Amino acid sequence: MYVRFVTTRQHPDTGVQMGIFQTSLLLHPVGQLADWDEARLVALRAWFNDNLEKPERVARSRRPNGHHAAVSWFKASASEHIARARELASLLEAYGVPTLMLTTDRPGYIVYEDEFQVAAEPFRGDHLDRGV
């Protein structure tokens, strides 16, 4: 099983629900968060930067201008990553950004994989709305 945390906002290019990492960037302007939440956001993002690889590929196509529609999913075994992602989702919720945890056994065409995650292009016709 794979786990993904998203918000209700849609990515303008792909129409896929934006993930919590991308959405957290929208909260970051100084002064928008309480000091302790700003510190927690910075710490969470630093932890993920240190403990989660950035996918080398985000598209099935190898063309430089190819469609980049892959989304990242945690592997179910990545329990510490998932726990910290829940914490980030909770922080977003506290600032009025609704979040969902999605799960699937079929993330799509896998274009990148490491110990903790996969990046996959959704199968045609699949919608990422399997919230739990």
Protein backbone atom coordinates (compact mmCIF):
# COMPACT_ATOMS: atom_id res chain seq x y z
CA MET A 1 0.00 0.00 0.00
CA TYR A 2 1.04 3.60 -0.66
CA VAL A 3 0.10 6.76 1.23
CA ARG A 4 -0.17 10.34 -0.01
CA PHE A 5 -1.17 13.51 1.84
CA VAL A 6 -2.95 16.14 -0.23
CA THR A 7 -4.93 19.33 0.13
CA THR A 8 -8.13 20.31 -1.60
CA ARG A 9 -6.18 22.68 -3.87
CA GLN A 10 -5.53 21.50 -7.42
CA HIS A 11 -2.26 21.93 -9.26
CA PRO A 12 -2.89 24.42 -12.08
CA ASP A 13 -1.03 22.36 -14.72
CA THR A 14 -2.07 18.79 -13.93
CA GLY A 15 -5.39 19.18 -12.12
CA VAL A 16 -4.13 16.74 -9.46
CA GLN A 17 -4.66 17.64 -5.83
CA MET A 18 -1.61 19.47 -4.50
CA GLY A 19 0.48 17.62 -1.95
CA ILE A 20 1.17 18.95 1.51
CA PHE A 21 4.82 19.80 0.76
CA GLN A 22 3.94 22.00 -2.19
CA THR A 23 1.07 23.60 -0.31
CA SER A 24 3.23 24.25 2.77
CA LEU A 25 5.32 26.60 0.64
CA LEU A 26 2.27 28.86 0.42
CA LEU A 27 2.23 29.23 4.24
CA HIS A 28 5.84 30.19 4.54
CA PRO A 29 5.86 34.00 4.11
CA VAL A 30 7.25 35.50 7.30
CA GLY A 31 4.56 36.74 9.64
CA GLN A 32 1.82 34.47 8.30
CA LEU A 33 2.44 31.80 10.95
CA ALA A 34 2.82 31.98 14.70
CA ASP A 35 6.51 31.89 15.66
CA TRP A 36 6.32 28.35 17.11
CA ASP A 37 4.48 27.07 14.02
CA GLU A 38 7.01 28.77 11.74
CA ALA A 39 9.80 27.02 13.67
CA ARG A 40 7.98 23.66 13.44
CA LEU A 41 7.40 24.09 9.69
CA VAL A 42 11.08 24.91 9.15
CA ALA A 43 12.10 21.89 11.26
CA LEU A 44 9.75 19.52 9.42
CA ARG A 45 10.89 20.69 6.01
CA ALA A 46 14.54 20.37 7.09
CA TRP A 47 13.90 16.82 8.33
CA PHE A 48 12.34 15.82 5.00
CA ASN A 49 15.18 17.50 3.08
CA ASP A 50 17.66 15.41 5.09
CA ASN A 51 15.69 12.15 5.13
CA LEU A 52 13.83 11.93 1.82
CA GLU A 53 15.40 11.91 -1.63
CA LYS A 54 13.98 14.15 -4.31
CA PRO A 55 12.80 11.93 -7.19
CA GLU A 56 15.25 11.83 -10.09
CA ARG A 57 12.40 11.45 -12.59
CA VAL A 58 8.89 12.87 -12.51
CA ALA A 59 7.66 11.67 -15.92
CA ARG A 60 7.58 8.52 -18.00
CA SER A 61 8.76 10.53 -20.99
CA ARG A 62 12.50 11.15 -21.23
CA ARG A 63 11.90 14.21 -23.42
CA PRO A 64 13.06 17.42 -21.71
CA ASN A 65 9.70 19.11 -22.34
CA GLY A 66 7.64 15.99 -21.60
CA HIS A 67 4.54 16.03 -19.42
CA HIS A 68 5.60 15.94 -15.74
CA ALA A 69 2.57 14.41 -14.07
CA ALA A 70 4.12 12.04 -11.54
CA VAL A 71 3.07 12.38 -7.91
CA SER A 72 4.90 11.04 -4.89
CA TRP A 73 3.56 8.39 -2.54
CA PHE A 74 5.07 7.09 0.68
CA LYS A 75 5.51 3.37 0.98
CA ALA A 76 3.47 1.98 3.88
CA SER A 77 6.73 0.87 5.53
CA ALA A 78 7.94 4.50 5.78
CA SER A 79 6.30 4.91 9.19
CA GLU A 80 8.47 7.78 10.46
CA HIS A 81 8.00 9.71 7.22
CA ILE A 82 4.25 9.17 7.37
CA ALA A 83 4.12 10.29 11.01
CA ARG A 84 5.96 13.51 10.18
CA ALA A 85 3.76 14.05 7.12
CA ARG A 86 0.71 13.74 9.41
CA GLU A 87 2.27 16.42 11.60
CA LEU A 88 2.72 18.69 8.58
CA ALA A 89 -0.88 18.02 7.50
CA SER A 90 -2.04 18.93 11.00
CA LEU A 91 -0.11 22.20 10.81
CA LEU A 92 -1.80 23.02 7.49
CA GLU A 93 -5.19 22.18 8.99
CA ALA A 94 -4.53 24.58 11.88
CA TYR A 95 -4.20 27.37 9.30
CA GLY A 96 -7.41 26.52 7.46
CA VAL A 97 -6.01 24.28 4.73
CA PRO A 98 -8.07 21.06 4.53
CA THR A 99 -5.99 17.91 4.00
CA LEU A 100 -6.69 14.30 3.12
CA MET A 101 -4.69 11.11 3.48
CA LEU A 102 -5.03 8.98 0.35
CA THR A 103 -4.13 5.31 0.13
CA THR A 104 -3.82 3.01 -2.86
CA ASP A 105 -2.33 -0.26 -3.99
CA ARG A 106 -2.06 1.15 -7.54
CA PRO A 107 -0.23 4.49 -7.58
CA GLY A 108 0.22 4.41 -11.37
CA TYR A 109 3.21 4.04 -13.67
CA ILE A 110 6.19 4.16 -11.32
CA VAL A 111 8.91 6.43 -12.68
CA TYR A 112 11.04 6.65 -9.52
CA GLU A 113 11.44 4.49 -6.42
CA ASP A 114 13.60 4.50 -3.32
CA GLU A 115 13.41 2.98 0.16
CA PHE A 116 10.62 5.29 1.37
CA GLN A 117 8.64 6.47 -1.65
CA VAL A 118 7.61 6.12 -5.26
CA ALA A 119 6.81 8.76 -7.84
CA ALA A 120 4.16 7.58 -10.26
CA GLU A 121 2.08 8.92 -13.12
CA PRO A 122 -1.55 8.03 -12.41
CA PHE A 123 -3.09 5.46 -14.73
CA ARG A 124 -5.35 7.03 -17.36
CA GLY A 125 -8.79 7.56 -15.87
CA ASP A 126 -7.60 7.17 -12.28
CA HIS A 127 -8.51 10.01 -9.98
CA LEU A 128 -6.63 10.74 -6.78
CA ASP A 129 -9.66 10.99 -4.53
CA ARG A 130 -9.38 7.84 -2.44
CA GLY A 131 -9.27 9.61 0.91
CA VAL A 132 -9.37 7.78 4.20
